[in-house]
Amino acid sequence: MTDLDAQVRDADIDRWLASRFVADARLRADLIALHAFEAELMAIPSRVTQPLLAEMRFTWWAEQMEGVFTGVARKGHPVLEALTDLVARHRLPRAPFDALIEAHIGRVHGEPHDLDAFYVGPMQLAARILAGEGYDAALADAGRVRALIQTGRADEAKALRLAANRALKALPVAAFPAAAPAALRSPDAPEFVKRLTLVAAAVTGRI
């Protein structure tokens, strides 16, 4: 297991498990690099006690995006090196990365979750890595289902799931691992339950 792979497994078991359904090793590593970036951001509030210090760290990441998107990786930083490489090869857009960092800064200051920035944008980026452009609309509701589950709004997620599955019919099989975590209805479920749920989702193409 690579360092980034282990980092994602520890930080985000749901998406790590979903990434196991990506057969191509290079694409799976690319997906892991994206999730490792997200894991770095998620870890910041637990590493510092003051909002100002957290904001400074998020601002540092925001500043690193210039190098990521101009192809100048920060040497010696595995996440930034991997991110710079995958952004160039998959021609990923910058806006979702900037929006995610801004959403984290907002949370530091007590603002409500920006669900699209935290969940929809990253899911759409994951699908671009796996299957190219053109599937953002197909994933929007699936991303929101995942967001609602993760923020304790299970009833709203249930109400949206039918529309999400209709939209996912336009998603190619290769991109389904990007959407698959939305099939997990309980963040606290045991790992073996999550594995079985993801298998069922992958077989049916539904979340």
Protein backbone atom coordinates (compact mmCIF):
# COMPACT_ATOMS: atom_id res chain seq x y z
CA MET A 1 0.00 0.00 0.00
CA THR A 2 1.46 3.38 -0.97
CA ASP A 3 1.70 6.21 1.54
CA LEU A 4 -1.12 8.15 -0.14
CA ASP A 5 -3.25 5.03 -0.35
CA ALA A 6 -2.76 4.42 3.36
CA GLN A 7 -3.50 8.05 4.13
CA VAL A 8 -6.83 7.89 2.29
CA ARG A 9 -7.74 4.56 3.85
CA ASP A 10 -7.24 6.05 7.31
CA ALA A 11 -9.00 9.33 6.53
CA ASP A 12 -11.88 8.31 4.25
CA ILE A 13 -12.69 4.62 4.28
CA ASP A 14 -15.82 5.12 2.14
CA ARG A 15 -14.02 6.53 -0.87
CA TRP A 16 -11.02 4.28 -0.35
CA LEU A 17 -13.31 1.25 -0.59
CA ALA A 18 -14.99 2.69 -3.70
CA SER A 19 -11.59 3.20 -5.32
CA ARG A 20 -10.99 -0.56 -5.14
CA PHE A 21 -13.52 -0.91 -7.96
CA VAL A 22 -11.21 0.98 -10.34
CA ALA A 23 -9.41 -1.76 -12.24
CA ASP A 24 -6.78 0.43 -13.88
CA ALA A 25 -3.94 0.92 -11.37
CA ARG A 26 -2.92 4.31 -12.76
CA LEU A 27 -6.45 5.70 -12.60
CA ARG A 28 -6.91 4.27 -9.12
CA ALA A 29 -3.71 6.02 -8.01
CA ASP A 30 -4.97 9.26 -9.57
CA LEU A 31 -8.23 8.96 -7.67
CA ILE A 32 -6.31 8.33 -4.46
CA ALA A 33 -4.21 11.46 -5.09
CA LEU A 34 -7.38 13.55 -5.34
CA HIS A 35 -8.76 12.05 -2.14
CA ALA A 36 -5.40 12.54 -0.36
CA PHE A 37 -5.62 16.25 -1.15
CA GLU A 38 -9.09 16.33 0.37
CA ALA A 39 -7.84 14.39 3.40
CA GLU A 40 -5.10 16.97 3.96
CA LEU A 41 -7.71 19.73 4.07
CA MET A 42 -10.06 17.77 6.31
CA ALA A 43 -7.28 17.14 8.83
CA ILE A 44 -6.38 20.79 9.38
CA PRO A 45 -9.06 21.69 11.98
CA SER A 46 -8.00 18.71 14.10
CA ARG A 47 -4.35 19.78 14.05
CA VAL A 48 -4.76 23.36 15.20
CA THR A 49 -6.87 24.86 17.96
CA GLN A 50 -7.38 28.42 16.72
CA PRO A 51 -9.47 29.42 13.68
CA LEU A 52 -6.82 31.90 12.54
CA LEU A 53 -4.15 29.19 12.44
CA ALA A 54 -6.49 26.89 10.53
CA GLU A 55 -7.25 29.66 8.04
CA MET A 56 -3.51 30.24 7.56
CA ARG A 57 -3.01 26.60 6.69
CA PHE A 58 -5.91 26.60 4.26
CA THR A 59 -4.51 29.77 2.71
CA TRP A 60 -1.18 27.99 2.24
CA TRP A 61 -2.99 25.27 0.28
CA ALA A 62 -4.79 27.90 -1.76
CA GLU A 63 -1.45 29.43 -2.67
CA GLN A 64 -0.11 26.03 -3.75
CA MET A 65 -2.84 25.75 -6.38
CA GLU A 66 -0.93 28.17 -8.58
CA GLY A 67 1.95 25.72 -8.82
CA VAL A 68 -0.40 22.76 -9.25
CA PHE A 69 -2.13 24.36 -12.22
CA THR A 70 1.00 25.70 -13.87
CA GLY A 71 2.72 22.34 -13.66
CA VAL A 72 5.28 23.35 -11.05
CA ALA A 73 4.94 20.79 -8.29
CA ARG A 74 6.17 21.57 -4.80
CA LYS A 75 9.08 19.16 -4.56
CA GLY A 76 9.13 16.85 -1.60
CA HIS A 77 5.38 17.10 -0.93
CA PRO A 78 3.85 13.78 -2.12
CA VAL A 79 0.28 15.05 -2.28
CA LEU A 80 1.13 18.19 -4.24
CA GLU A 81 3.46 16.30 -6.57
CA ALA A 82 0.78 13.71 -7.33
CA LEU A 83 -1.92 16.36 -7.66
CA THR A 84 0.13 18.43 -10.09
CA ASP A 85 0.69 15.38 -12.27
CA LEU A 86 -2.93 14.24 -12.38
CA VAL A 87 -4.29 17.77 -12.98
CA ALA A 88 -2.07 18.06 -16.05
CA ARG A 89 -2.83 14.63 -17.46
CA HIS A 90 -6.59 14.84 -16.95
CA ARG A 91 -6.88 18.58 -17.64
CA LEU A 92 -8.89 19.10 -14.49
CA PRO A 93 -10.52 22.50 -13.90
CA ARG A 94 -9.23 24.65 -11.08
CA ALA A 95 -12.55 26.06 -9.84
CA PRO A 96 -13.63 23.01 -7.77
CA PHE A 97 -10.28 22.97 -5.95
CA ASP A 98 -10.50 26.66 -5.09
CA ALA A 99 -14.14 26.28 -4.04
CA LEU A 100 -13.28 23.40 -1.73
CA ILE A 101 -10.57 25.36 0.04
CA GLU A 102 -12.84 28.39 0.38
CA ALA A 103 -15.57 26.16 1.83
CA HIS A 104 -13.16 24.89 4.46
CA ILE A 105 -12.20 28.46 5.38
CA GLY A 106 -15.89 29.26 5.69
CA ARG A 107 -16.41 26.35 8.08
CA VAL A 108 -13.54 27.58 10.26
CA HIS A 109 -15.56 30.78 10.72
CA GLY A 110 -18.79 28.96 11.47
CA GLU A 111 -20.45 29.25 8.08
CA PRO A 112 -22.83 26.46 6.97
CA HIS A 113 -21.46 23.61 4.90
CA ASP A 114 -21.21 24.46 1.21
CA LEU A 115 -22.44 21.01 0.17
CA ASP A 116 -21.67 21.44 -3.51
CA ALA A 117 -18.10 22.52 -2.79
CA PHE A 118 -17.46 19.78 -0.25
CA TYR A 119 -19.14 16.88 -2.02
CA VAL A 120 -20.46 17.53 -5.53
CA GLY A 121 -17.35 19.18 -6.96
CA PRO A 122 -14.95 16.46 -5.74
CA MET A 123 -17.26 13.72 -7.01
CA GLN A 124 -17.37 15.39 -10.42
CA LEU A 125 -13.58 15.66 -10.44
CA ALA A 126 -13.33 11.96 -9.61
CA ALA A 127 -15.56 11.09 -12.55
CA ARG A 128 -13.45 13.25 -14.88
CA ILE A 129 -10.38 11.31 -13.79
CA LEU A 130 -12.10 8.00 -14.50
CA ALA A 131 -14.05 8.78 -17.67
CA GLY A 132 -13.27 12.26 -18.96
CA GLU A 133 -15.49 15.31 -19.27
CA GLY A 134 -19.22 15.51 -19.82
CA TYR A 135 -20.70 13.86 -16.73
CA ASP A 136 -20.98 16.69 -14.22
CA ALA A 137 -24.77 16.89 -14.50
CA ALA A 138 -25.15 13.13 -14.09
CA LEU A 139 -23.34 13.29 -10.76
CA ALA A 140 -24.79 16.44 -9.21
CA ASP A 141 -27.63 14.78 -7.31
CA ALA A 142 -25.50 11.79 -6.30
CA GLY A 143 -23.02 14.24 -4.80
CA ARG A 144 -25.81 15.92 -2.88
CA VAL A 145 -27.11 12.57 -1.62
CA ARG A 146 -23.64 11.85 -0.29
CA ALA A 147 -23.51 15.33 1.26
CA LEU A 148 -26.84 14.93 3.00
CA ILE A 149 -25.89 11.54 4.42
CA GLN A 150 -22.58 12.85 5.72
CA THR A 151 -24.25 15.83 7.39
CA GLY A 152 -26.96 13.79 9.13
CA ARG A 153 -29.86 14.59 6.83
CA ALA A 154 -30.82 11.04 5.90
CA ASP A 155 -34.48 11.79 5.14
CA GLU A 156 -33.52 14.44 2.59
CA ALA A 157 -30.98 12.07 1.07
CA LYS A 158 -33.65 9.38 0.73
CA ALA A 159 -35.99 11.81 -1.02
CA LEU A 160 -33.29 12.77 -3.53
CA ARG A 161 -32.01 9.25 -4.24
CA LEU A 162 -34.55 8.42 -6.97
CA ALA A 163 -33.63 11.50 -9.02
CA ALA A 164 -29.94 10.77 -8.44
CA ASN A 165 -30.30 7.26 -9.80
CA ARG A 166 -32.17 8.49 -12.85
CA ALA A 167 -29.34 10.89 -13.60
CA LEU A 168 -26.70 8.21 -13.04
CA LYS A 169 -28.04 6.24 -15.99
CA ALA A 170 -26.01 8.65 -18.15
CA LEU A 171 -22.81 7.78 -16.29
CA PRO A 172 -20.45 5.25 -17.92
CA VAL A 173 -19.58 2.16 -15.91
CA ALA A 174 -15.96 3.28 -15.67
CA ALA A 175 -16.98 6.40 -13.75
CA PHE A 176 -19.34 4.72 -11.29
CA PRO A 177 -16.73 4.35 -8.51
CA ALA A 178 -16.83 8.15 -8.26
CA ALA A 179 -20.54 8.01 -7.37
CA ALA A 180 -20.51 4.76 -5.41
CA PRO A 181 -19.87 6.28 -1.94
CA ALA A 182 -23.31 7.90 -2.16
CA ALA A 183 -24.75 4.38 -1.81
CA LEU A 184 -23.48 4.20 1.78
CA ARG A 185 -26.40 5.21 3.94
CA SER A 186 -24.73 5.12 7.35
CA PRO A 187 -21.34 6.74 7.95
CA ASP A 188 -20.90 4.58 11.04
CA ALA A 189 -21.67 1.20 9.45
CA PRO A 190 -19.03 -1.54 9.87
CA GLU A 191 -16.53 -1.88 7.05
CA PHE A 192 -17.85 -5.27 5.92
CA VAL A 193 -21.34 -3.77 5.55
CA LYS A 194 -19.93 -0.91 3.50
CA ARG A 195 -18.06 -3.40 1.30
CA LEU A 196 -21.26 -5.37 0.62
CA THR A 197 -23.21 -2.19 -0.07
CA LEU A 198 -20.62 -1.00 -2.58
CA VAL A 199 -20.58 -4.36 -4.34
CA ALA A 200 -24.37 -4.20 -4.73
CA ALA A 201 -24.15 -0.62 -5.99
CA ALA A 202 -21.46 -1.52 -8.52
CA VAL A 203 -23.50 -4.47 -9.82
CA THR A 204 -26.71 -2.47 -10.21
CA GLY A 205 -25.23 0.91 -11.10
CA ARG A 206 -27.44 2.50 -8.47
CA ILE A 207 -26.74 4.26 -5.18
